[in-house]
C-alpha atoms as a PDB file:
ATOM      1  CA  MET A   1     -14.350 -16.535   3.701  1.00  0.00           C
ATOM      2  CA  ASN A   2     -16.863 -14.497   5.688  1.00  0.00           C
ATOM      3  CA  ASN A   3     -18.507 -11.252   4.590  1.00  0.00           C
ATOM      4  CA  ASP A   4     -16.064  -8.983   6.478  1.00  0.00           C
ATOM      5  CA  GLU A   5     -13.081 -10.693   4.875  1.00  0.00           C
ATOM      6  CA  ALA A   6     -14.656 -10.386   1.439  1.00  0.00           C
ATOM      7  CA  GLU A   7     -15.356  -6.677   1.992  1.00  0.00           C
ATOM      8  CA  ILE A   8     -11.778  -6.013   3.112  1.00  0.00           C
ATOM      9  CA  ARG A   9     -10.305  -7.948   0.185  1.00  0.00           C
ATOM     10  CA  SER A  10     -12.554  -5.913  -2.112  1.00  0.00           C
ATOM     11  CA  LEU A  11     -11.376  -2.696  -0.427  1.00  0.00           C
ATOM     12  CA  LEU A  12      -7.751  -3.704  -0.989  1.00  0.00           C
ATOM     13  CA  ALA A  13      -8.471  -4.532  -4.623  1.00  0.00           C
ATOM     14  CA  GLU A  14     -10.129  -1.140  -5.041  1.00  0.00           C
ATOM     15  CA  PHE A  15      -7.108   0.578  -3.474  1.00  0.00           C
ATOM     16  CA  THR A  16      -4.722  -1.358  -5.739  1.00  0.00           C
ATOM     17  CA  GLY A  17      -6.860  -0.420  -8.738  1.00  0.00           C
ATOM     18  CA  ALA A  18      -6.740   3.258  -7.779  1.00  0.00           C
ATOM     19  CA  LEU A  19      -2.935   3.086  -7.603  1.00  0.00           C
ATOM     20  CA  ARG A  20      -2.729   1.211 -10.925  1.00  0.00           C
ATOM     21  CA  ASN A  21      -4.903   3.871 -12.579  1.00  0.00           C
ATOM     22  CA  LYS A  22      -3.136   6.724 -10.769  1.00  0.00           C
ATOM     23  CA  ASP A  23      -6.414   7.920  -9.268  1.00  0.00           C
ATOM     24  CA  ALA A  24      -5.424   9.754  -6.077  1.00  0.00           C
ATOM     25  CA  ASP A  25      -8.962  10.771  -5.129  1.00  0.00           C
ATOM     26  CA  SER A  26     -10.241   7.175  -5.293  1.00  0.00           C
ATOM     27  CA  ALA A  27      -7.305   5.885  -3.223  1.00  0.00           C
ATOM     28  CA  ILE A  28      -7.762   8.567  -0.566  1.00  0.00           C
ATOM     29  CA  ALA A  29     -11.514   7.945  -0.357  1.00  0.00           C
ATOM     30  CA  LEU A  30     -10.762   4.489   1.106  1.00  0.00           C
ATOM     31  CA  LEU A  31      -8.785   5.883   4.047  1.00  0.00           C
ATOM     32  CA  ALA A  32     -10.067   6.634   7.531  1.00  0.00           C
ATOM     33  CA  GLU A  33      -9.822  10.298   8.523  1.00  0.00           C
ATOM     34  CA  ASP A  34      -6.988   9.505  10.942  1.00  0.00           C
ATOM     35  CA  ALA A  35      -5.028   7.228   8.569  1.00  0.00           C
ATOM     36  CA  ILE A  36      -1.259   7.138   9.026  1.00  0.00           C
ATOM     37  CA  THR A  37       1.230   5.453   6.683  1.00  0.00           C
ATOM     38  CA  PHE A  38       4.793   4.166   7.041  1.00  0.00           C
ATOM     39  CA  ASP A  39       5.780   3.872   3.401  1.00  0.00           C
ATOM     40  CA  LEU A  40       8.830   2.999   1.318  1.00  0.00           C
ATOM     41  CA  ALA A  41       9.673   6.631   0.565  1.00  0.00           C
ATOM     42  CA  PRO A  42      10.490   9.250   3.225  1.00  0.00           C
ATOM     43  CA  PRO A  43       9.419  10.556   5.642  1.00  0.00           C
ATOM     44  CA  LEU A  44       9.236   7.836   8.291  1.00  0.00           C
ATOM     45  CA  GLU A  45       5.594   8.637   8.968  1.00  0.00           C
ATOM     46  CA  GLN A  46       2.860  10.348   6.977  1.00  0.00           C
ATOM     47  CA  GLY A  47       0.032  11.617   9.136  1.00  0.00           C
ATOM     48  CA  PRO A  48      -3.581  12.233   8.133  1.00  0.00           C
ATOM     49  CA  ASP A  49      -2.855  15.558   6.415  1.00  0.00           C
ATOM     50  CA  ALA A  50      -0.308  13.930   4.088  1.00  0.00           C
ATOM     51  CA  THR A  51      -2.290  10.732   3.482  1.00  0.00           C
ATOM     52  CA  HIS A  52      -5.329  12.790   2.446  1.00  0.00           C
ATOM     53  CA  ASN A  53      -3.433  15.171   0.163  1.00  0.00           C
ATOM     54  CA  PRO A  54      -4.064  14.127  -3.462  1.00  0.00           C
ATOM     55  CA  ALA A  55      -1.258  16.408  -4.681  1.00  0.00           C
ATOM     56  CA  LEU A  56       1.362  14.384  -2.762  1.00  0.00           C
ATOM     57  CA  LEU A  57       0.113  11.095  -4.193  1.00  0.00           C
ATOM     58  CA  GLY A  58      -0.159  12.747  -7.612  1.00  0.00           C
ATOM     59  CA  GLU A  59       3.522  13.741  -7.462  1.00  0.00           C
ATOM     60  CA  TRP A  60       4.456  10.083  -7.052  1.00  0.00           C
ATOM     61  CA  PHE A  61       2.088   9.057  -9.858  1.00  0.00           C
ATOM     62  CA  GLN A  62       3.820  11.526 -12.189  1.00  0.00           C
ATOM     63  CA  THR A  63       7.079   9.575 -11.812  1.00  0.00           C
ATOM     64  CA  TRP A  64       5.482   6.588 -13.595  1.00  0.00           C
ATOM     65  CA  LYS A  65       4.839   6.000 -17.272  1.00  0.00           C
ATOM     66  CA  GLY A  66       1.747   3.848 -17.696  1.00  0.00           C
ATOM     67  CA  PRO A  67       0.039   1.846 -14.969  1.00  0.00           C
ATOM     68  CA  ILE A  68       1.506   0.923 -11.580  1.00  0.00           C
ATOM     69  CA  ASN A  69       0.861  -2.794 -11.186  1.00  0.00           C
ATOM     70  CA  SER A  70       0.674  -4.314  -7.735  1.00  0.00           C
ATOM     71  CA  GLU A  71      -0.251  -7.845  -6.678  1.00  0.00           C
ATOM     72  CA  SER A  72      -0.469  -9.465  -3.240  1.00  0.00           C
ATOM     73  CA  ARG A  73       1.047 -12.822  -2.448  1.00  0.00           C
ATOM     74  CA  ASP A  74       0.114 -14.974   0.533  1.00  0.00           C
ATOM     75  CA  LEU A  75      -2.230 -12.308   1.903  1.00  0.00           C
ATOM     76  CA  LYS A  76      -3.319 -13.134   5.451  1.00  0.00           C
ATOM     77  CA  LEU A  77      -6.327 -11.409   6.986  1.00  0.00           C
ATOM     78  CA  ASP A  78      -7.675 -11.368  10.527  1.00  0.00           C
ATOM     79  CA  VAL A  79     -10.934  -9.690  11.546  1.00  0.00           C
ATOM     80  CA  SER A  80     -12.170  -9.142  15.083  1.00  0.00           C
ATOM     81  CA  GLY A  81     -15.283  -7.029  15.545  1.00  0.00           C
ATOM     82  CA  ASN A  82     -14.735  -3.609  13.991  1.00  0.00           C
ATOM     83  CA  VAL A  83     -10.966  -3.901  13.487  1.00  0.00           C
ATOM     84  CA  ALA A  84      -8.876  -6.008  11.150  1.00  0.00           C
ATOM     85  CA  TYR A  85      -5.394  -6.350   9.763  1.00  0.00           C
ATOM     86  CA  ALA A  86      -3.878  -7.879   6.653  1.00  0.00           C
ATOM     87  CA  TYR A  87      -0.304  -8.675   5.754  1.00  0.00           C
ATOM     88  CA  GLY A  88       1.670 -10.339   3.029  1.00  0.00           C
ATOM     89  CA  LEU A  89       4.135  -9.719   0.262  1.00  0.00           C
ATOM     90  CA  GLN A  90       3.419  -7.192  -2.463  1.00  0.00           C
ATOM     91  CA  HIS A  91       4.854  -7.251  -5.978  1.00  0.00           C
ATOM     92  CA  MET A  92       4.978  -3.878  -7.728  1.00  0.00           C
ATOM     93  CA  THR A  93       5.913  -3.546 -11.401  1.00  0.00           C
ATOM     94  CA  GLY A  94       5.840  -0.772 -13.941  1.00  0.00           C
ATOM     95  CA  THR A  95       7.987   1.705 -15.803  1.00  0.00           C
ATOM     96  CA  LYS A  96       9.255   5.004 -14.452  1.00  0.00           C
ATOM     97  CA  ILE A  97       9.241   8.058 -16.727  1.00  0.00           C
ATOM     98  CA  ASP A  98      13.018   7.738 -17.161  1.00  0.00           C
ATOM     99  CA  GLY A  99      12.501   4.250 -18.615  1.00  0.00           C
ATOM    100  CA  GLN A 100      13.595   2.339 -15.494  1.00  0.00           C
ATOM    101  CA  GLU A 101      11.695  -0.928 -15.171  1.00  0.00           C
ATOM    102  CA  VAL A 102      10.477  -1.505 -11.610  1.00  0.00           C
ATOM    103  CA  ASP A 103      10.124  -5.075 -10.363  1.00  0.00           C
ATOM    104  CA  LEU A 104       9.981  -4.828  -6.580  1.00  0.00           C
ATOM    105  CA  TRP A 105       8.843  -7.207  -3.867  1.00  0.00           C
ATOM    106  CA  PHE A 106       8.156  -5.674  -0.464  1.00  0.00           C
ATOM    107  CA  ARG A 107       6.416  -6.422   2.801  1.00  0.00           C
ATOM    108  CA  ALA A 108       2.990  -4.868   3.291  1.00  0.00           C
ATOM    109  CA  THR A 109       0.685  -4.575   6.290  1.00  0.00           C
ATOM    110  CA  ALA A 110      -2.645  -2.765   6.414  1.00  0.00           C
ATOM    111  CA  CYS A 111      -4.998  -2.122   9.315  1.00  0.00           C
ATOM    112  CA  PHE A 112      -8.711  -1.441   9.027  1.00  0.00           C
ATOM    113  CA  ARG A 113     -11.622  -0.143  11.079  1.00  0.00           C
ATOM    114  CA  ARG A 114     -15.321  -0.411  10.338  1.00  0.00           C
ATOM    115  CA  GLU A 115     -16.855   3.078  10.387  1.00  0.00           C
ATOM    116  CA  ASP A 116     -20.589   3.573   9.865  1.00  0.00           C
ATOM    117  CA  GLY A 117     -20.829   0.060   8.438  1.00  0.00           C
ATOM    118  CA  GLN A 118     -17.930   0.449   5.968  1.00  0.00           C
ATOM    119  CA  TRP A 119     -14.358  -0.736   6.260  1.00  0.00           C
ATOM    120  CA  ARG A 120     -11.684   1.977   5.992  1.00  0.00           C
ATOM    121  CA  ILE A 121      -7.900   1.750   5.913  1.00  0.00           C
ATOM    122  CA  THR A 122      -6.422   3.204   9.112  1.00  0.00           C
ATOM    123  CA  HIS A 123      -2.773   2.308   8.637  1.00  0.00           C
ATOM    124  CA  MET A 124      -0.452   0.987   5.949  1.00  0.00           C
ATOM    125  CA  HIS A 125       3.147  -0.088   6.487  1.00  0.00           C
ATOM    126  CA  ASN A 126       5.348  -1.014   3.536  1.00  0.00           C
ATOM    127  CA  SER A 127       9.010  -1.941   3.897  1.00  0.00           C
ATOM    128  CA  VAL A 128      12.000  -3.658   2.339  1.00  0.00           C
ATOM    129  CA  PRO A 129      14.796  -5.376   4.283  1.00  0.00           C
ATOM    130  CA  PHE A 130      18.221  -3.768   4.410  1.00  0.00           C
ATOM    131  CA  ALA A 131      21.665  -5.330   4.431  1.00  0.00           C
ATOM    132  CA  MET A 132      22.934  -5.976   7.942  1.00  0.00           C
ATOM    133  CA  ASP A 133      26.557  -6.066   6.725  1.00  0.00           C
ATOM    134  CA  GLY A 134      27.264  -2.426   7.582  1.00  0.00           C
ATOM    135  CA  SER A 135      26.432  -1.121   4.107  1.00  0.00           C
ATOM    136  CA  GLU A 136      22.842  -0.317   5.171  1.00  0.00           C
ATOM    137  CA  ARG A 137      21.713  -0.627   1.560  1.00  0.00           C
ATOM    138  CA  ALA A 138      18.118  -1.467   0.824  1.00  0.00           C
ATOM    139  CA  LEU A 139      17.693  -4.965  -0.600  1.00  0.00           C
ATOM    140  CA  LEU A 140      15.476  -4.232  -3.582  1.00  0.00           C
ATOM    141  CA  ASP A 141      16.203  -7.387  -5.562  1.00  0.00           C
ATOM    142  CA  LEU A 142      14.845  -9.996  -3.133  1.00  0.00           C
ATOM    143  CA  GLN A 143      12.256 -12.445  -4.407  1.00  0.00           C
ATOM    144  CA  PRO A 144       9.967 -14.715  -2.404  1.00  0.00           C
ATOM    145  CA  GLU A 145      10.929 -18.353  -2.114  1.00  0.00           C
END
């Protein structure tokens, strides 16, 4: 693993830690100014104003009791110059305030850009498959093979 890969893996671990600890300011600090996300919850796209708004992230944090655990599986990373991307499966677990236990696998992709010598997250895309049988229901119970 080269230095860039190690720095990006560390950045992802820091981001995951900020989510686990429900620390919106620390999570946002890792984003590029123009960061855009395509996340599991609506809307389809969150632009820079939304991704940098700690109140929006805080609203989501308030729906969880205790930590939000998230682990990567089979994370692949490619770096070329000042840009990079990573993708893999993500496993999120925890308990919602209503007592619902969350155990969700989803697909995750992140893009990065080196700015002033530091890697920043420019884009995140998280998704789950949906049933192609006409029901259009999200398939939230899938597990990796």
